[in-house]
N, C-alpha and C. Protein backbone atom coordinates (compact mmCIF):
# COMPACT_ATOMS: atom_id res chain seq x y z
N MET A 1 0.86 -1.18 0.00
CA MET A 1 0.00 0.00 0.00
C MET A 1 0.91 1.24 0.00
N PRO A 2 0.70 2.20 -0.90
CA PRO A 2 1.51 3.40 -0.92
C PRO A 2 1.38 4.18 0.40
N VAL A 3 2.38 5.00 0.67
CA VAL A 3 2.41 5.76 1.92
C VAL A 3 1.18 6.66 2.08
N THR A 4 0.74 7.31 1.00
CA THR A 4 -0.41 8.21 1.11
C THR A 4 -1.69 7.44 1.45
N LYS A 5 -1.85 6.25 0.89
CA LYS A 5 -3.03 5.44 1.22
C LYS A 5 -2.96 4.96 2.66
N GLN A 6 -1.76 4.61 3.14
CA GLN A 6 -1.60 4.19 4.53
C GLN A 6 -1.95 5.33 5.48
N ALA A 7 -1.48 6.54 5.15
CA ALA A 7 -1.76 7.69 6.00
C ALA A 7 -3.25 7.98 6.02
N ALA A 8 -3.91 7.91 4.86
CA ALA A 8 -5.35 8.16 4.80
C ALA A 8 -6.12 7.09 5.58
N ALA A 9 -5.73 5.83 5.43
CA ALA A 9 -6.39 4.75 6.17
C ALA A 9 -6.19 4.91 7.67
N SER A 10 -5.00 5.30 8.09
CA SER A 10 -4.74 5.52 9.51
C SER A 10 -5.57 6.67 10.06
N ALA A 11 -5.67 7.77 9.28
CA ALA A 11 -6.45 8.92 9.72
C ALA A 11 -7.92 8.56 9.85
N LEU A 12 -8.47 7.81 8.87
CA LEU A 12 -9.88 7.41 8.94
C LEU A 12 -10.13 6.48 10.13
N ALA A 13 -9.21 5.55 10.36
CA ALA A 13 -9.35 4.64 11.50
C ALA A 13 -9.31 5.42 12.81
N PHE A 14 -8.40 6.40 12.90
CA PHE A 14 -8.30 7.23 14.11
C PHE A 14 -9.60 7.97 14.36
N LEU A 15 -10.15 8.60 13.31
CA LEU A 15 -11.41 9.33 13.46
C LEU A 15 -12.55 8.40 13.85
N PHE A 16 -12.61 7.24 13.22
CA PHE A 16 -13.70 6.29 13.48
C PHE A 16 -13.68 5.84 14.94
N PHE A 17 -12.50 5.54 15.47
CA PHE A 17 -12.43 5.02 16.83
C PHE A 17 -12.51 6.12 17.89
N THR A 18 -12.36 7.39 17.50
CA THR A 18 -12.49 8.46 18.49
C THR A 18 -13.88 9.07 18.51
N LEU A 19 -14.75 8.68 17.58
CA LEU A 19 -16.12 9.21 17.58
C LEU A 19 -16.95 8.55 18.67
N PRO A 20 -17.63 9.32 19.49
CA PRO A 20 -18.50 8.71 20.49
C PRO A 20 -19.78 8.20 19.84
N ALA A 21 -20.50 7.40 20.58
CA ALA A 21 -21.74 6.81 20.05
C ALA A 21 -22.85 7.84 19.94
N THR A 22 -22.79 8.90 20.73
CA THR A 22 -23.85 9.90 20.69
C THR A 22 -23.33 11.23 20.17
N ALA A 23 -24.23 12.01 19.62
CA ALA A 23 -23.87 13.33 19.08
C ALA A 23 -24.16 14.41 20.12
N GLU A 24 -23.44 15.51 20.00
CA GLU A 24 -23.67 16.67 20.84
C GLU A 24 -24.24 17.79 19.99
N PRO A 25 -25.54 18.09 20.07
CA PRO A 25 -26.09 19.22 19.31
C PRO A 25 -25.61 20.54 19.93
N TYR A 26 -25.49 21.56 19.09
CA TYR A 26 -25.05 22.87 19.56
C TYR A 26 -25.56 23.96 18.63
N PHE A 27 -25.49 25.19 19.10
CA PHE A 27 -25.75 26.33 18.21
C PHE A 27 -24.68 27.39 18.47
N VAL A 28 -24.44 28.19 17.45
CA VAL A 28 -23.44 29.26 17.52
C VAL A 28 -24.13 30.57 17.18
N LEU A 29 -23.94 31.58 17.99
CA LEU A 29 -24.46 32.91 17.73
C LEU A 29 -23.29 33.88 17.77
N GLY A 30 -23.16 34.70 16.71
CA GLY A 30 -22.03 35.61 16.70
C GLY A 30 -22.06 36.57 15.54
N GLY A 31 -20.89 37.10 15.23
CA GLY A 31 -20.76 38.09 14.17
C GLY A 31 -20.08 37.52 12.94
N ASP A 32 -20.41 38.09 11.80
CA ASP A 32 -19.80 37.73 10.51
C ASP A 32 -19.25 39.00 9.88
N ALA A 33 -18.16 38.86 9.16
CA ALA A 33 -17.62 39.97 8.37
C ALA A 33 -17.08 39.38 7.08
N SER A 34 -17.19 40.14 5.98
CA SER A 34 -16.75 39.67 4.66
C SER A 34 -15.89 40.74 4.00
N VAL A 35 -14.81 40.30 3.36
CA VAL A 35 -13.95 41.18 2.58
C VAL A 35 -13.93 40.61 1.17
N ILE A 36 -14.23 41.45 0.17
CA ILE A 36 -14.34 40.99 -1.21
C ILE A 36 -13.12 41.44 -2.00
N ASP A 37 -12.59 40.53 -2.80
CA ASP A 37 -11.50 40.86 -3.72
C ASP A 37 -12.12 41.23 -5.06
N LEU A 38 -12.27 42.55 -5.29
CA LEU A 38 -12.88 43.02 -6.52
C LEU A 38 -11.86 43.00 -7.65
N LYS A 39 -12.36 42.84 -8.87
CA LYS A 39 -11.47 42.84 -10.03
C LYS A 39 -10.82 44.21 -10.19
N ASN A 40 -9.65 44.23 -10.78
CA ASN A 40 -8.89 45.47 -10.93
C ASN A 40 -9.14 46.08 -12.30
N PRO A 41 -9.52 47.33 -12.46
CA PRO A 41 -9.88 48.22 -11.36
C PRO A 41 -11.30 47.93 -10.89
N PRO A 42 -11.56 48.10 -9.59
CA PRO A 42 -12.91 47.81 -9.10
C PRO A 42 -13.91 48.81 -9.63
N PRO A 43 -15.16 48.40 -9.78
CA PRO A 43 -16.20 49.35 -10.19
C PRO A 43 -16.24 50.53 -9.22
N ALA A 44 -16.51 51.69 -9.73
CA ALA A 44 -16.49 52.91 -8.91
C ALA A 44 -17.43 52.79 -7.72
N LEU A 45 -16.93 53.15 -6.58
CA LEU A 45 -17.68 53.26 -5.33
C LEU A 45 -18.20 51.94 -4.78
N TYR A 46 -17.81 50.78 -5.34
CA TYR A 46 -18.27 49.51 -4.77
C TYR A 46 -17.64 49.30 -3.40
N PRO A 47 -18.44 48.96 -2.39
CA PRO A 47 -17.86 48.62 -1.09
C PRO A 47 -17.05 47.34 -1.20
N GLN A 48 -16.06 47.19 -0.35
CA GLN A 48 -15.23 45.99 -0.38
C GLN A 48 -15.33 45.18 0.90
N SER A 49 -16.15 45.61 1.86
CA SER A 49 -16.34 44.84 3.08
C SER A 49 -17.73 45.09 3.64
N ALA A 50 -18.20 44.14 4.43
CA ALA A 50 -19.52 44.24 5.06
C ALA A 50 -19.50 43.41 6.33
N GLY A 51 -20.39 43.71 7.24
CA GLY A 51 -20.46 42.98 8.50
C GLY A 51 -21.89 42.77 8.95
N GLY A 52 -22.08 41.83 9.86
CA GLY A 52 -23.42 41.56 10.36
C GLY A 52 -23.43 40.44 11.37
N LEU A 53 -24.57 39.79 11.50
CA LEU A 53 -24.77 38.71 12.46
C LEU A 53 -25.01 37.39 11.74
N GLY A 54 -24.75 36.30 12.44
CA GLY A 54 -25.01 34.98 11.89
C GLY A 54 -25.26 33.97 12.99
N PHE A 55 -25.85 32.84 12.62
CA PHE A 55 -26.03 31.75 13.56
C PHE A 55 -25.88 30.42 12.82
N ASP A 56 -25.48 29.41 13.57
CA ASP A 56 -25.28 28.06 13.02
C ASP A 56 -25.85 27.04 13.98
N LEU A 57 -26.38 25.96 13.43
CA LEU A 57 -26.84 24.81 14.20
C LEU A 57 -26.03 23.61 13.77
N GLY A 58 -25.58 22.81 14.74
CA GLY A 58 -24.74 21.69 14.36
C GLY A 58 -24.81 20.53 15.32
N GLU A 59 -24.12 19.46 14.94
CA GLU A 59 -23.95 18.27 15.77
C GLU A 59 -22.48 17.92 15.76
N ARG A 60 -21.94 17.66 16.94
CA ARG A 60 -20.53 17.29 17.06
C ARG A 60 -20.42 15.83 17.49
N PHE A 61 -19.54 15.12 16.79
CA PHE A 61 -19.26 13.72 17.08
C PHE A 61 -17.78 13.62 17.43
N GLY A 62 -17.42 13.87 18.67
CA GLY A 62 -16.01 13.81 19.06
C GLY A 62 -15.20 14.91 18.40
N MET A 63 -14.35 14.53 17.46
CA MET A 63 -13.46 15.49 16.80
C MET A 63 -14.05 16.08 15.52
N VAL A 64 -15.21 15.62 15.08
CA VAL A 64 -15.80 16.15 13.84
C VAL A 64 -17.20 16.70 14.13
N ALA A 65 -17.61 17.66 13.30
CA ALA A 65 -18.93 18.26 13.45
C ALA A 65 -19.45 18.64 12.07
N GLY A 66 -20.75 18.70 11.96
CA GLY A 66 -21.41 19.19 10.75
C GLY A 66 -22.42 20.23 11.16
N GLU A 67 -22.53 21.31 10.38
CA GLU A 67 -23.46 22.36 10.76
C GLU A 67 -24.04 23.07 9.54
N ILE A 68 -25.20 23.68 9.76
CA ILE A 68 -25.83 24.54 8.77
C ILE A 68 -26.06 25.89 9.44
N GLY A 69 -26.10 26.96 8.63
CA GLY A 69 -26.26 28.26 9.24
C GLY A 69 -26.72 29.32 8.26
N TYR A 70 -26.90 30.52 8.80
CA TYR A 70 -27.33 31.67 8.03
C TYR A 70 -26.59 32.89 8.54
N GLY A 71 -26.14 33.74 7.63
CA GLY A 71 -25.48 34.99 8.01
C GLY A 71 -25.92 36.11 7.10
N GLU A 72 -25.93 37.32 7.64
CA GLU A 72 -26.32 38.49 6.87
C GLU A 72 -25.30 39.59 7.12
N ASN A 73 -24.66 40.07 6.05
CA ASN A 73 -23.67 41.14 6.13
C ASN A 73 -24.15 42.33 5.32
N ASN A 74 -24.00 43.53 5.86
CA ASN A 74 -24.43 44.75 5.18
C ASN A 74 -23.39 45.84 5.34
N THR A 75 -23.34 46.74 4.40
CA THR A 75 -22.61 47.98 4.55
C THR A 75 -23.54 49.09 4.09
N GLY A 76 -23.60 50.16 4.86
CA GLY A 76 -24.52 51.24 4.56
C GLY A 76 -24.06 52.08 3.39
N GLY A 77 -25.00 52.69 2.69
CA GLY A 77 -24.70 53.55 1.57
C GLY A 77 -24.91 55.01 1.91
N SER A 78 -24.37 55.87 1.09
CA SER A 78 -24.55 57.31 1.24
C SER A 78 -24.38 57.94 -0.13
N ALA A 79 -24.29 59.24 -0.17
CA ALA A 79 -24.10 59.92 -1.44
C ALA A 79 -22.72 59.62 -2.02
N ASN A 80 -21.80 59.14 -1.17
CA ASN A 80 -20.43 58.90 -1.62
C ASN A 80 -20.08 57.42 -1.79
N VAL A 81 -20.80 56.54 -1.13
CA VAL A 81 -20.47 55.11 -1.15
C VAL A 81 -21.74 54.30 -1.41
N ASP A 82 -21.65 53.30 -2.28
CA ASP A 82 -22.79 52.42 -2.55
C ASP A 82 -23.06 51.51 -1.36
N ALA A 83 -24.27 51.00 -1.28
CA ALA A 83 -24.65 50.06 -0.23
C ALA A 83 -24.54 48.64 -0.75
N MET A 84 -24.21 47.68 0.14
CA MET A 84 -24.04 46.29 -0.27
C MET A 84 -24.61 45.37 0.80
N HIS A 85 -25.15 44.22 0.36
CA HIS A 85 -25.59 43.20 1.31
C HIS A 85 -25.19 41.82 0.80
N PHE A 86 -24.97 40.92 1.75
CA PHE A 86 -24.74 39.50 1.49
C PHE A 86 -25.61 38.71 2.46
N ASP A 87 -26.41 37.80 1.94
CA ASP A 87 -27.14 36.84 2.76
C ASP A 87 -26.61 35.48 2.36
N GLN A 88 -26.27 34.65 3.36
CA GLN A 88 -25.71 33.34 3.05
C GLN A 88 -26.41 32.23 3.81
N MET A 89 -26.80 31.18 3.07
CA MET A 89 -27.16 29.89 3.66
C MET A 89 -25.93 29.03 3.48
N ARG A 90 -25.49 28.36 4.53
CA ARG A 90 -24.22 27.65 4.47
C ARG A 90 -24.28 26.31 5.18
N ALA A 91 -23.43 25.41 4.72
CA ALA A 91 -23.28 24.09 5.34
C ALA A 91 -21.79 23.77 5.36
N ASP A 92 -21.29 23.36 6.52
CA ASP A 92 -19.86 23.12 6.69
C ASP A 92 -19.60 21.89 7.54
N GLY A 93 -18.48 21.25 7.27
CA GLY A 93 -17.94 20.21 8.14
C GLY A 93 -16.74 20.79 8.86
N ILE A 94 -16.54 20.38 10.12
CA ILE A 94 -15.44 20.92 10.93
C ILE A 94 -14.68 19.78 11.58
N LEU A 95 -13.36 19.85 11.53
CA LEU A 95 -12.49 18.92 12.23
C LEU A 95 -11.83 19.67 13.38
N TYR A 96 -12.00 19.16 14.61
CA TYR A 96 -11.40 19.74 15.81
C TYR A 96 -10.09 19.01 16.10
N ILE A 97 -8.99 19.74 16.16
CA ILE A 97 -7.69 19.15 16.47
C ILE A 97 -7.24 19.74 17.81
N PRO A 98 -7.20 18.93 18.89
CA PRO A 98 -6.79 19.44 20.20
C PRO A 98 -5.33 19.92 20.16
N ILE A 99 -5.08 21.09 20.76
CA ILE A 99 -3.72 21.62 20.80
C ILE A 99 -3.19 21.61 22.23
N LEU A 100 -3.90 22.31 23.11
CA LEU A 100 -3.43 22.42 24.48
C LEU A 100 -4.62 22.68 25.38
N GLY A 101 -4.87 21.79 26.30
CA GLY A 101 -5.99 21.96 27.22
C GLY A 101 -7.31 22.07 26.47
N THR A 102 -7.96 23.21 26.60
CA THR A 102 -9.27 23.40 25.96
C THR A 102 -9.16 24.15 24.63
N LEU A 103 -7.93 24.36 24.13
CA LEU A 103 -7.71 25.05 22.86
C LEU A 103 -7.70 24.05 21.72
N ASN A 104 -8.49 24.30 20.67
CA ASN A 104 -8.57 23.43 19.50
C ASN A 104 -8.27 24.22 18.23
N LEU A 105 -7.56 23.60 17.30
CA LEU A 105 -7.42 24.11 15.95
C LEU A 105 -8.60 23.57 15.16
N LEU A 106 -9.24 24.42 14.33
CA LEU A 106 -10.38 24.00 13.52
C LEU A 106 -10.01 24.02 12.04
N LEU A 107 -10.34 22.96 11.33
CA LEU A 107 -10.23 22.90 9.88
C LEU A 107 -11.64 22.70 9.35
N THR A 108 -12.04 23.50 8.37
CA THR A 108 -13.43 23.45 7.92
C THR A 108 -13.55 23.54 6.41
N GLY A 109 -14.56 22.92 5.88
CA GLY A 109 -14.86 22.97 4.45
C GLY A 109 -16.35 22.77 4.23
N GLY A 110 -16.86 23.36 3.17
CA GLY A 110 -18.28 23.23 2.88
C GLY A 110 -18.70 24.07 1.70
N GLY A 111 -19.93 24.57 1.73
CA GLY A 111 -20.45 25.37 0.64
C GLY A 111 -21.41 26.43 1.15
N ALA A 112 -21.63 27.45 0.31
CA ALA A 112 -22.54 28.54 0.70
C ALA A 112 -23.29 29.06 -0.51
N GLU A 113 -24.59 29.27 -0.32
CA GLU A 113 -25.43 29.94 -1.31
C GLU A 113 -25.46 31.41 -0.93
N THR A 114 -24.89 32.27 -1.76
CA THR A 114 -24.75 33.68 -1.45
C THR A 114 -25.71 34.51 -2.30
N ASN A 115 -26.55 35.27 -1.64
CA ASN A 115 -27.43 36.24 -2.29
C ASN A 115 -26.78 37.59 -2.05
N TYR A 116 -26.46 38.33 -3.12
CA TYR A 116 -25.76 39.60 -2.96
C TYR A 116 -26.46 40.70 -3.73
N GLY A 117 -26.19 41.92 -3.33
CA GLY A 117 -26.73 43.07 -4.02
C GLY A 117 -25.96 44.32 -3.68
N ILE A 118 -25.81 45.20 -4.66
CA ILE A 118 -25.19 46.50 -4.46
C ILE A 118 -26.14 47.54 -5.04
N SER A 119 -26.39 48.58 -4.26
CA SER A 119 -27.26 49.64 -4.75
C SER A 119 -26.55 50.98 -4.60
N ALA A 120 -26.87 51.90 -5.51
CA ALA A 120 -26.25 53.23 -5.51
C ALA A 120 -27.26 54.27 -5.04
N PHE A 121 -26.76 55.27 -4.37
CA PHE A 121 -27.59 56.39 -3.93
C PHE A 121 -28.03 57.18 -5.15
N ALA A 122 -29.29 57.55 -5.22
CA ALA A 122 -29.80 58.29 -6.38
C ALA A 122 -30.70 59.42 -5.93
N ARG A 123 -30.60 60.54 -6.64
CA ARG A 123 -31.50 61.67 -6.42
C ARG A 123 -32.37 61.80 -7.65
N ASN A 124 -33.67 61.78 -7.44
CA ASN A 124 -34.62 61.84 -8.54
C ASN A 124 -35.46 63.10 -8.43
N PRO A 125 -35.24 64.06 -9.34
CA PRO A 125 -36.06 65.28 -9.30
C PRO A 125 -37.47 65.01 -9.83
N TYR A 126 -38.44 65.69 -9.24
CA TYR A 126 -39.82 65.60 -9.70
C TYR A 126 -40.52 66.94 -9.41
N THR A 127 -41.65 67.14 -10.01
CA THR A 127 -42.40 68.38 -9.83
C THR A 127 -43.68 68.09 -9.06
N ASP A 128 -43.94 68.90 -8.05
CA ASP A 128 -45.13 68.75 -7.22
C ASP A 128 -45.76 70.14 -7.06
N ASN A 129 -46.97 70.33 -7.62
CA ASN A 129 -47.67 71.63 -7.57
C ASN A 129 -46.80 72.77 -8.10
N GLY A 130 -46.10 72.51 -9.19
CA GLY A 130 -45.29 73.52 -9.82
C GLY A 130 -43.93 73.75 -9.18
N LYS A 131 -43.63 73.01 -8.09
CA LYS A 131 -42.34 73.15 -7.42
C LYS A 131 -41.48 71.94 -7.74
N VAL A 132 -40.21 72.20 -8.02
CA VAL A 132 -39.26 71.11 -8.28
C VAL A 132 -38.75 70.60 -6.94
N LYS A 133 -38.92 69.29 -6.72
CA LYS A 133 -38.46 68.65 -5.48
C LYS A 133 -37.54 67.50 -5.84
N THR A 134 -36.85 66.99 -4.84
CA THR A 134 -35.92 65.88 -5.07
C THR A 134 -36.26 64.75 -4.11
N ALA A 135 -36.36 63.54 -4.65
CA ALA A 135 -36.56 62.34 -3.84
C ALA A 135 -35.25 61.57 -3.80
N ASN A 136 -34.86 61.15 -2.62
CA ASN A 136 -33.64 60.36 -2.47
C ASN A 136 -34.01 58.88 -2.39
N GLY A 137 -33.19 58.04 -2.99
CA GLY A 137 -33.47 56.60 -2.95
C GLY A 137 -32.29 55.80 -3.42
N ASP A 138 -32.48 54.51 -3.54
CA ASP A 138 -31.45 53.59 -3.99
C ASP A 138 -31.82 53.02 -5.35
N THR A 139 -30.81 52.82 -6.17
CA THR A 139 -30.97 52.18 -7.46
C THR A 139 -30.11 50.93 -7.48
N THR A 140 -30.68 49.78 -7.83
CA THR A 140 -29.90 48.54 -7.86
C THR A 140 -28.86 48.60 -8.97
N VAL A 141 -27.60 48.32 -8.59
CA VAL A 141 -26.49 48.31 -9.53
C VAL A 141 -26.18 46.88 -9.97
N ILE A 142 -26.14 45.97 -9.00
CA ILE A 142 -25.82 44.57 -9.28
C ILE A 142 -26.51 43.70 -8.24
N HIS A 143 -26.99 42.54 -8.66
CA HIS A 143 -27.59 41.60 -7.70
C HIS A 143 -27.53 40.20 -8.30
N GLY A 144 -27.65 39.21 -7.45
CA GLY A 144 -27.66 37.84 -7.94
C GLY A 144 -27.49 36.83 -6.82
N ASN A 145 -27.46 35.56 -7.20
CA ASN A 145 -27.24 34.42 -6.31
C ASN A 145 -26.13 33.57 -6.90
N GLU A 146 -25.36 32.96 -6.02
CA GLU A 146 -24.33 32.04 -6.50
C GLU A 146 -23.99 31.04 -5.41
N PHE A 147 -23.75 29.79 -5.82
CA PHE A 147 -23.33 28.75 -4.89
C PHE A 147 -21.85 28.48 -5.11
N ASP A 148 -21.07 28.50 -4.04
CA ASP A 148 -19.62 28.28 -4.13
C ASP A 148 -19.16 27.41 -2.96
N TRP A 149 -18.03 26.73 -3.16
CA TRP A 149 -17.38 26.00 -2.08
C TRP A 149 -16.66 27.01 -1.18
N ARG A 150 -16.33 26.59 0.02
CA ARG A 150 -15.54 27.43 0.91
C ARG A 150 -14.75 26.56 1.86
N ALA A 151 -13.61 27.05 2.31
CA ALA A 151 -12.74 26.30 3.22
C ALA A 151 -11.97 27.28 4.09
N GLY A 152 -11.60 26.82 5.27
CA GLY A 152 -10.87 27.72 6.15
C GLY A 152 -10.34 27.05 7.39
N THR A 153 -9.86 27.88 8.29
CA THR A 153 -9.28 27.41 9.54
C THR A 153 -9.61 28.40 10.65
N GLY A 154 -9.46 27.96 11.88
CA GLY A 154 -9.72 28.83 13.02
C GLY A 154 -9.35 28.13 14.31
N PHE A 155 -9.95 28.59 15.40
CA PHE A 155 -9.68 27.98 16.70
C PHE A 155 -10.91 28.08 17.58
N SER A 156 -10.94 27.24 18.60
CA SER A 156 -12.00 27.32 19.61
C SER A 156 -11.37 27.13 20.98
N ILE A 157 -11.95 27.78 21.97
CA ILE A 157 -11.51 27.65 23.36
C ILE A 157 -12.74 27.35 24.20
N ALA A 158 -12.73 26.21 24.88
CA ALA A 158 -13.86 25.83 25.72
C ALA A 158 -13.73 26.46 27.10
N PHE A 159 -14.81 27.11 27.57
CA PHE A 159 -14.83 27.69 28.90
C PHE A 159 -15.44 26.72 29.91
N SER A 160 -16.28 25.83 29.42
CA SER A 160 -16.93 24.82 30.25
C SER A 160 -17.39 23.71 29.33
N ASP A 161 -18.09 22.74 29.87
CA ASP A 161 -18.63 21.67 29.03
C ASP A 161 -19.75 22.19 28.12
N ASP A 162 -20.32 23.34 28.44
CA ASP A 162 -21.46 23.85 27.70
C ASP A 162 -21.15 25.01 26.75
N PHE A 163 -20.08 25.76 27.00
CA PHE A 163 -19.80 26.96 26.20
C PHE A 163 -18.36 27.01 25.71
N GLU A 164 -18.21 27.50 24.47
CA GLU A 164 -16.87 27.74 23.95
C GLU A 164 -16.90 28.95 23.02
N LEU A 165 -15.77 29.59 22.90
CA LEU A 165 -15.59 30.72 21.99
C LEU A 165 -14.90 30.20 20.75
N ARG A 166 -15.34 30.65 19.56
CA ARG A 166 -14.67 30.20 18.35
C ARG A 166 -14.54 31.34 17.36
N ALA A 167 -13.48 31.27 16.55
CA ALA A 167 -13.24 32.24 15.48
C ALA A 167 -12.72 31.46 14.27
N VAL A 168 -13.28 31.76 13.08
CA VAL A 168 -12.93 31.02 11.86
C VAL A 168 -12.80 32.01 10.70
N ALA A 169 -11.77 31.81 9.88
CA ALA A 169 -11.62 32.57 8.63
C ALA A 169 -11.77 31.58 7.48
N ARG A 170 -12.52 31.98 6.43
CA ARG A 170 -12.78 31.09 5.30
C ARG A 170 -12.56 31.83 3.98
N TYR A 171 -12.08 31.09 3.00
CA TYR A 171 -11.93 31.58 1.63
C TYR A 171 -13.04 30.98 0.78
N GLN A 172 -13.59 31.78 -0.13
CA GLN A 172 -14.59 31.25 -1.06
C GLN A 172 -14.51 32.03 -2.37
N PRO A 173 -14.55 31.34 -3.52
CA PRO A 173 -14.62 32.05 -4.79
C PRO A 173 -15.98 32.76 -4.89
N LEU A 174 -16.00 33.93 -5.50
CA LEU A 174 -17.23 34.70 -5.66
C LEU A 174 -17.06 35.60 -6.87
N SER A 175 -17.95 35.47 -7.86
CA SER A 175 -17.77 36.25 -9.09
C SER A 175 -18.60 37.52 -9.13
N MET A 176 -19.75 37.56 -8.49
CA MET A 176 -20.64 38.72 -8.49
C MET A 176 -20.79 39.30 -9.90
N ASN A 177 -21.29 38.46 -10.80
CA ASN A 177 -21.46 38.87 -12.21
C ASN A 177 -20.17 39.38 -12.83
N ASN A 178 -19.08 38.67 -12.53
CA ASN A 178 -17.75 38.96 -13.07
C ASN A 178 -17.16 40.28 -12.55
N SER A 179 -17.62 40.75 -11.37
CA SER A 179 -17.07 41.95 -10.76
C SER A 179 -16.05 41.64 -9.68
N ALA A 180 -16.03 40.39 -9.19
CA ALA A 180 -15.13 40.02 -8.09
C ALA A 180 -14.46 38.68 -8.40
N ASP A 181 -13.41 38.38 -7.64
CA ASP A 181 -12.70 37.11 -7.77
C ASP A 181 -13.00 36.17 -6.60
N SER A 182 -13.04 36.72 -5.39
CA SER A 182 -13.20 35.87 -4.21
C SER A 182 -13.66 36.68 -3.01
N MET A 183 -13.95 35.97 -1.95
CA MET A 183 -14.36 36.60 -0.69
C MET A 183 -13.68 35.86 0.45
N ILE A 184 -13.23 36.60 1.44
CA ILE A 184 -12.74 36.02 2.68
C ILE A 184 -13.73 36.43 3.75
N SER A 185 -14.25 35.45 4.47
CA SER A 185 -15.22 35.74 5.53
C SER A 185 -14.62 35.38 6.88
N PHE A 186 -14.99 36.14 7.88
CA PHE A 186 -14.56 35.93 9.25
C PHE A 186 -15.80 35.75 10.11
N SER A 187 -15.80 34.75 10.94
CA SER A 187 -16.92 34.56 11.85
C SER A 187 -16.37 34.33 13.25
N PHE A 188 -17.06 34.86 14.23
CA PHE A 188 -16.66 34.68 15.62
C PHE A 188 -17.94 34.62 16.44
N GLY A 189 -17.92 33.80 17.48
CA GLY A 189 -19.13 33.68 18.27
C GLY A 189 -18.98 32.74 19.44
N ILE A 190 -20.06 32.60 20.17
CA ILE A 190 -20.14 31.70 21.32
C ILE A 190 -20.92 30.45 20.90
N THR A 191 -20.32 29.31 21.16
CA THR A 191 -20.98 28.02 20.90
C THR A 191 -21.60 27.53 22.20
N ALA A 192 -22.89 27.20 22.15
CA ALA A 192 -23.59 26.66 23.31
C ALA A 192 -24.01 25.24 22.99
N HIS A 193 -23.53 24.27 23.75
CA HIS A 193 -23.89 22.86 23.58
C HIS A 193 -25.20 22.60 24.30
N LEU A 194 -26.12 21.93 23.61
CA LEU A 194 -27.45 21.69 24.17
C LEU A 194 -27.51 20.39 24.97
């Protein structure tokens, strides 16, 4: 058996024998932030980052976990900067690697359905009873949905059997109608085991 197959077989055997018979359900509540790598030169006034809240529900089996979640990131618009939003439905697998005491290294991979939109500030003149007035509003510049893979790493620190703090950074390709190349997302939050 080649060395790579032996290593893979050993890793699978290790994971199989370290999984407990029962699962630990949990949820994570925290913050999300996204940084977008826009194509060069980026479209005028496009925001390159957004932040918001997210939550995840999952089950942990010893050193591995699977979870689904939702996150919403926004950046406000003004007369000088366009507004942007990202809504994500996501599913990820996580491998917990113990480092020291209650500190774990996390390796994660999965996919995300991203709904995005960018709108520009607009002033629309109109006439009312012979007077010229101006209405302020937003005009959609770009919008769409896309499903992409994502992968990343992070850490978790357990404070008790029920609560832990975790932070994860993930890379994901994102085209946004050929306006961007990729997105790096950061999530941090408190995990509560049920």
